[in-house]
Amino acid sequence: MMQLDQLNRRLFSFAPARWVGRHIYNRQRRRQSRAQSTTTKFFRNLQQLTVLAGPLSYLADSGTLSVLVAGCSYGCEAFSLAGFLALQFPHLNWTIAGVDISKDALRVAEAARYTGAHGLGISTDALAQKLEARLFDRSGDEWTVLMDIRDRVSFAYGDVLSEEFRSFKDYDLVLGQNFMIHMGEEEAATALAALVNASRPGGALFLGGMDTETKTKLLAPHKLIPLDWNIAGIHEDDMRRSTWPWNYWSLEPINRSEKDYLTRYSTIFLKPL
């Protein structure tokens, strides 16, 4: 399956095939039914996380960092970020709040115990291996999050489409990834507004997993600033790339000639002061 995914990715990276792929993808967007998914894994896009040790390192200047992870699913993204913060900023006072609409997924996150099915024990990436060692106590095929990290990460029910979600405010960093792609345009607009509201002025948002066909339009009212940093690397590291153009939620090859290139392909945005 991995070889087929890689072949598919290479094939549609060529310009003539990309033109055909665009027509296939647009048909799939129209025909396929959209539904939320809890699919996730650990260390899903490490290149994105490393921005916190680069251009976004200023977020830690105060000595504290508050993070909201909306659509946290089983907690893999929240704990991946937690491991990175613990490893890179050992003296930083950070906290992470994860919210989701799936109570079953939240029970897994709260238990903080995982298996190889969540993408553990298989990566050859040096950073992923360091994070895994910092995050877990392993026993056989069970990985349990270490208590010093577990105590800083909380999980609760939260729906970005609800009025109640507006109580989430003033976070330094807000992650809202890989669920707006499963929404229609109206719902995605509501969700995005809620995420922007949850971020403090001068804060940052990770917004991977939006529909690139409507992303620029949805972002325009919020005046967010796309971060021009490792855009291609983060884009190609996204697990959705390998299935384009066959699924509405898949991710197209990057196209530097797009007039809205920065907004279309960046996943990291700054909220103006």
Protein backbone atom coordinates (compact mmCIF):
# COMPACT_ATOMS: atom_id res chain seq x y z
CA MET A 1 0.00 0.00 0.00
CA MET A 2 2.84 2.38 0.84
CA GLN A 3 4.44 1.79 -2.57
CA LEU A 4 1.13 2.45 -4.34
CA ASP A 5 0.69 5.69 -2.37
CA GLN A 6 4.18 6.84 -3.31
CA LEU A 7 3.60 5.95 -6.96
CA ASN A 8 0.32 7.87 -6.94
CA ARG A 9 2.04 10.90 -5.44
CA ARG A 10 4.83 10.88 -8.02
CA LEU A 11 2.47 10.36 -10.94
CA PHE A 12 0.28 13.37 -10.17
CA SER A 13 3.26 15.61 -9.46
CA PHE A 14 3.90 15.88 -13.22
CA ALA A 15 2.15 18.80 -14.92
CA PRO A 16 0.06 16.85 -17.51
CA ALA A 17 -1.12 14.33 -14.90
CA ARG A 18 -1.87 17.16 -12.47
CA TRP A 19 -4.26 18.67 -15.02
CA VAL A 20 -6.12 15.36 -15.23
CA GLY A 21 -5.96 15.03 -11.45
CA ARG A 22 -7.60 18.42 -11.02
CA HIS A 23 -10.64 17.24 -12.98
CA ILE A 24 -10.82 13.99 -11.00
CA TYR A 25 -10.50 15.85 -7.70
CA ASN A 26 -13.19 18.40 -8.55
CA ARG A 27 -15.55 15.54 -9.45
CA GLN A 28 -14.79 13.81 -6.14
CA ARG A 29 -15.43 17.03 -4.21
CA ARG A 30 -18.87 17.26 -5.79
CA ARG A 31 -19.85 13.60 -5.48
CA GLN A 32 -18.36 12.24 -2.27
CA SER A 33 -20.25 12.62 0.99
CA ARG A 34 -18.43 14.49 3.73
CA ALA A 35 -18.20 13.10 7.23
CA GLN A 36 -15.97 13.76 10.23
CA SER A 37 -13.21 11.27 10.96
CA THR A 38 -11.14 10.44 14.05
CA THR A 39 -8.24 9.12 11.92
CA THR A 40 -4.95 10.38 13.32
CA LYS A 41 -1.50 9.27 14.41
CA PHE A 42 1.47 10.50 16.39
CA PHE A 43 4.07 12.82 14.85
CA ARG A 44 1.81 13.44 11.87
CA ASN A 45 3.60 16.56 10.66
CA LEU A 46 6.80 17.18 12.59
CA GLN A 47 8.02 19.81 10.14
CA GLN A 48 5.10 21.97 11.20
CA LEU A 49 5.92 21.60 14.90
CA THR A 50 9.50 22.74 14.43
CA VAL A 51 8.28 26.26 13.64
CA LEU A 52 7.91 26.67 17.42
CA ALA A 53 11.70 26.50 17.75
CA GLY A 54 12.06 28.91 14.82
CA PRO A 55 9.87 31.85 13.74
CA LEU A 56 7.26 31.23 16.47
CA SER A 57 9.75 30.92 19.33
CA TYR A 58 8.61 34.37 20.49
CA LEU A 59 5.43 32.72 21.78
CA ALA A 60 7.52 31.29 24.63
CA ASP A 61 9.23 34.57 25.54
CA SER A 62 6.90 35.24 28.47
CA GLY A 63 7.81 31.90 30.08
CA THR A 64 4.28 30.53 29.65
CA LEU A 65 2.44 29.08 26.68
CA SER A 66 -1.25 28.20 26.45
CA VAL A 67 -2.40 25.93 23.61
CA LEU A 68 -5.84 24.88 22.39
CA VAL A 69 -6.15 21.80 20.16
CA ALA A 70 -9.61 21.73 18.59
CA GLY A 71 -10.68 18.43 17.04
CA CYS A 72 -8.09 16.62 19.17
CA SER A 73 -9.48 13.14 18.38
CA TYR A 74 -7.51 10.48 20.31
CA GLY A 75 -5.00 13.03 21.61
CA CYS A 76 -2.15 12.11 19.27
CA GLU A 77 -1.65 15.65 17.99
CA ALA A 78 -1.91 17.19 21.47
CA PHE A 79 0.61 14.77 22.96
CA SER A 80 2.95 15.08 19.95
CA LEU A 81 3.02 18.82 20.57
CA ALA A 82 3.43 18.23 24.31
CA GLY A 83 6.46 16.04 23.71
CA PHE A 84 8.00 18.67 21.45
CA LEU A 85 7.50 21.42 24.03
CA ALA A 86 8.92 19.25 26.81
CA LEU A 87 11.95 18.38 24.71
CA GLN A 88 12.68 21.80 23.21
CA PHE A 89 11.57 24.08 26.05
CA PRO A 90 12.30 22.23 29.31
CA HIS A 91 11.83 25.36 31.46
CA LEU A 92 8.68 26.64 29.74
CA ASN A 93 5.42 26.59 31.69
CA TRP A 94 3.09 25.24 29.03
CA THR A 95 -0.44 23.79 29.10
CA ILE A 96 -2.51 22.17 26.37
CA ALA A 97 -6.32 21.88 26.25
CA GLY A 98 -7.76 19.41 23.75
CA VAL A 99 -11.43 19.36 22.74
CA ASP A 100 -13.44 17.12 20.44
CA ILE A 101 -17.04 16.12 19.68
CA SER A 102 -16.31 12.37 19.84
CA LYS A 103 -16.72 11.10 23.39
CA ASP A 104 -15.22 7.74 22.40
CA ALA A 105 -12.09 9.47 21.10
CA LEU A 106 -11.88 11.61 24.23
CA ARG A 107 -11.92 8.50 26.42
CA VAL A 108 -8.83 7.22 24.58
CA ALA A 109 -7.12 10.61 24.96
CA GLU A 110 -7.89 10.80 28.67
CA ALA A 111 -6.54 7.28 29.25
CA ALA A 112 -3.27 8.38 27.57
CA ARG A 113 -2.40 4.81 26.56
CA TYR A 114 -1.64 3.92 22.96
CA THR A 115 -0.47 1.11 20.70
CA GLY A 116 1.47 0.75 17.49
CA ALA A 117 -1.82 1.31 15.64
CA HIS A 118 -1.43 5.00 16.53
CA GLY A 119 1.84 5.27 14.59
CA LEU A 120 4.24 4.44 17.43
CA GLY A 121 7.37 2.34 17.26
CA ILE A 122 7.71 2.53 13.48
CA SER A 123 9.26 5.88 12.61
CA THR A 124 12.88 6.12 11.51
CA ASP A 125 12.85 9.90 11.89
CA ALA A 126 15.36 11.01 14.54
CA LEU A 127 13.08 13.68 16.02
CA ALA A 128 10.12 11.30 16.19
CA GLN A 129 12.25 8.78 18.06
CA LYS A 130 13.40 11.43 20.54
CA LEU A 131 9.81 12.55 21.10
CA GLU A 132 8.65 8.98 21.59
CA ALA A 133 11.34 8.42 24.23
CA ARG A 134 10.39 11.67 26.02
CA LEU A 135 6.67 11.03 25.90
CA PHE A 136 6.16 7.41 26.83
CA ASP A 137 6.79 4.55 29.16
CA ARG A 138 6.61 1.52 26.87
CA SER A 139 5.59 -1.99 27.84
CA GLY A 140 5.30 -4.36 24.87
CA ASP A 141 2.82 -2.84 22.43
CA GLU A 142 1.47 -0.36 24.95
CA TRP A 143 2.80 3.19 25.24
CA THR A 144 1.67 5.17 28.31
CA VAL A 145 2.20 8.92 28.41
CA LEU A 146 4.56 9.94 31.22
CA MET A 147 2.85 11.68 34.10
CA ASP A 148 4.86 14.92 33.98
CA ILE A 149 3.48 15.47 30.48
CA ARG A 150 0.04 14.00 31.12
CA ASP A 151 -0.55 16.47 33.95
CA ARG A 152 -0.20 19.42 31.59
CA VAL A 153 -2.66 18.18 28.96
CA SER A 154 -6.42 18.22 29.55
CA PHE A 155 -9.27 16.95 27.39
CA ALA A 156 -12.93 17.91 27.28
CA TYR A 157 -15.96 17.91 25.02
CA GLY A 158 -16.06 20.91 22.73
CA ASP A 159 -17.84 21.72 19.47
CA VAL A 160 -16.36 24.52 17.34
CA LEU A 161 -19.80 25.08 15.80
CA SER A 162 -21.48 25.80 19.13
CA GLU A 163 -22.03 29.10 20.93
CA GLU A 164 -20.38 27.57 24.00
CA PHE A 165 -17.08 27.31 22.14
CA ARG A 166 -16.77 31.09 22.21
CA SER A 167 -15.76 30.77 25.87
CA PHE A 168 -12.36 29.55 24.64
CA LYS A 169 -10.26 32.72 24.39
CA ASP A 170 -6.78 34.23 24.59
CA TYR A 171 -4.73 31.16 23.70
CA ASP A 172 -1.18 31.77 22.50
CA LEU A 173 -1.47 28.94 19.98
CA VAL A 174 -4.62 27.40 18.49
CA LEU A 175 -4.62 24.21 16.43
CA GLY A 176 -7.66 23.53 14.28
CA GLN A 177 -6.54 20.91 11.80
CA ASN A 178 -7.99 18.21 9.56
CA PHE A 179 -11.66 18.67 10.42
CA MET A 180 -12.73 21.73 8.38
CA ILE A 181 -12.01 19.73 5.21
CA HIS A 182 -14.97 17.52 6.19
CA MET A 183 -17.34 20.50 6.49
CA GLY A 184 -19.37 22.41 3.96
CA GLU A 185 -18.36 26.00 3.33
CA GLU A 186 -20.85 27.54 5.77
CA GLU A 187 -19.86 25.24 8.65
CA ALA A 188 -16.16 25.72 7.90
CA ALA A 189 -16.64 29.50 8.04
CA THR A 190 -18.28 29.19 11.46
CA ALA A 191 -15.54 26.88 12.72
CA LEU A 192 -12.76 29.15 11.46
CA ALA A 193 -14.30 32.19 13.11
CA ALA A 194 -14.45 30.29 16.41
CA LEU A 195 -10.79 29.29 16.13
CA VAL A 196 -9.69 32.84 15.36
CA ASN A 197 -11.73 34.09 18.31
CA ALA A 198 -9.95 31.59 20.58
CA SER A 199 -6.51 32.97 19.69
CA ARG A 200 -5.09 36.06 21.38
CA PRO A 201 -3.95 39.05 19.31
CA GLY A 202 -0.35 38.32 18.32
CA GLY A 203 -0.93 34.60 18.71
CA ALA A 204 -0.66 31.89 16.08
CA LEU A 205 -2.95 29.31 14.51
CA PHE A 206 -2.16 25.98 12.83
CA LEU A 207 -4.85 25.46 10.18
CA GLY A 208 -3.82 22.41 8.16
CA GLY A 209 -6.55 20.34 6.57
CA MET A 210 -8.74 23.03 5.05
CA ASP A 211 -10.30 22.79 1.61
CA THR A 212 -7.77 24.61 -0.59
CA GLU A 213 -10.55 25.52 -3.05
CA THR A 214 -12.35 27.69 -0.45
CA LYS A 215 -9.52 28.44 2.00
CA THR A 216 -8.53 31.90 0.70
CA LYS A 217 -12.15 33.07 0.67
CA LEU A 218 -12.78 31.82 4.21
CA LEU A 219 -9.61 33.37 5.62
CA ALA A 220 -10.02 36.80 3.99
CA PRO A 221 -12.36 38.39 6.61
CA HIS A 222 -10.01 37.52 9.47
CA LYS A 223 -6.90 39.32 8.14
CA LEU A 224 -4.64 36.51 9.33
CA ILE A 225 -1.05 36.65 8.15
CA PRO A 226 0.24 33.46 6.46
CA LEU A 227 3.72 32.51 7.62
CA ASP A 228 6.12 32.09 4.73
CA TRP A 229 8.23 29.35 6.31
CA ASN A 230 8.94 25.82 5.02
CA ILE A 231 5.61 25.77 3.22
CA ALA A 232 6.60 23.09 0.69
CA GLY A 233 8.18 20.85 3.33
CA ILE A 234 5.12 20.95 5.57
CA HIS A 235 2.82 20.46 2.59
CA GLU A 236 4.64 17.37 1.33
CA ASP A 237 4.82 15.92 4.87
CA ASP A 238 1.02 15.84 5.06
CA MET A 239 -0.27 12.26 4.95
CA ARG A 240 -3.23 13.37 2.78
CA ARG A 241 -0.91 14.14 -0.16
CA SER A 242 -0.54 10.51 -1.18
CA THR A 243 -4.25 10.00 -1.97
CA TRP A 244 -4.85 13.01 -4.23
CA PRO A 245 -6.97 13.24 -6.39
CA TRP A 246 -9.13 10.29 -5.36
CA ASN A 247 -10.68 11.67 -2.15
CA TYR A 248 -12.30 15.03 -1.40
CA TRP A 249 -10.13 15.30 1.72
CA SER A 250 -6.85 14.66 -0.11
CA LEU A 251 -4.21 17.35 -0.69
CA GLU A 252 -3.13 18.55 -4.11
CA PRO A 253 0.51 18.87 -5.24
CA ILE A 254 1.90 22.29 -4.42
CA ASN A 255 1.67 24.79 -7.28
CA ARG A 256 3.93 27.82 -6.91
CA SER A 257 2.18 29.64 -9.75
CA GLU A 258 -1.08 30.01 -7.78
CA LYS A 259 -1.72 33.71 -7.26
CA ASP A 260 -2.77 33.08 -3.64
CA TYR A 261 0.17 30.71 -3.04
CA LEU A 262 0.95 31.81 0.54
CA THR A 263 -2.62 31.66 1.81
CA ARG A 264 -3.50 28.52 -0.14
CA TYR A 265 -0.57 26.42 1.01
CA SER A 266 0.61 27.81 4.34
CA THR A 267 -0.79 26.04 7.39
CA ILE A 268 0.59 28.52 9.94
CA PHE A 269 -1.04 31.91 10.44
CA LEU A 270 -0.46 34.87 12.75
CA LYS A 271 -3.28 36.86 14.30
CA PRO A 272 -2.55 40.59 14.05
CA LEU A 273 -2.18 42.64 17.23
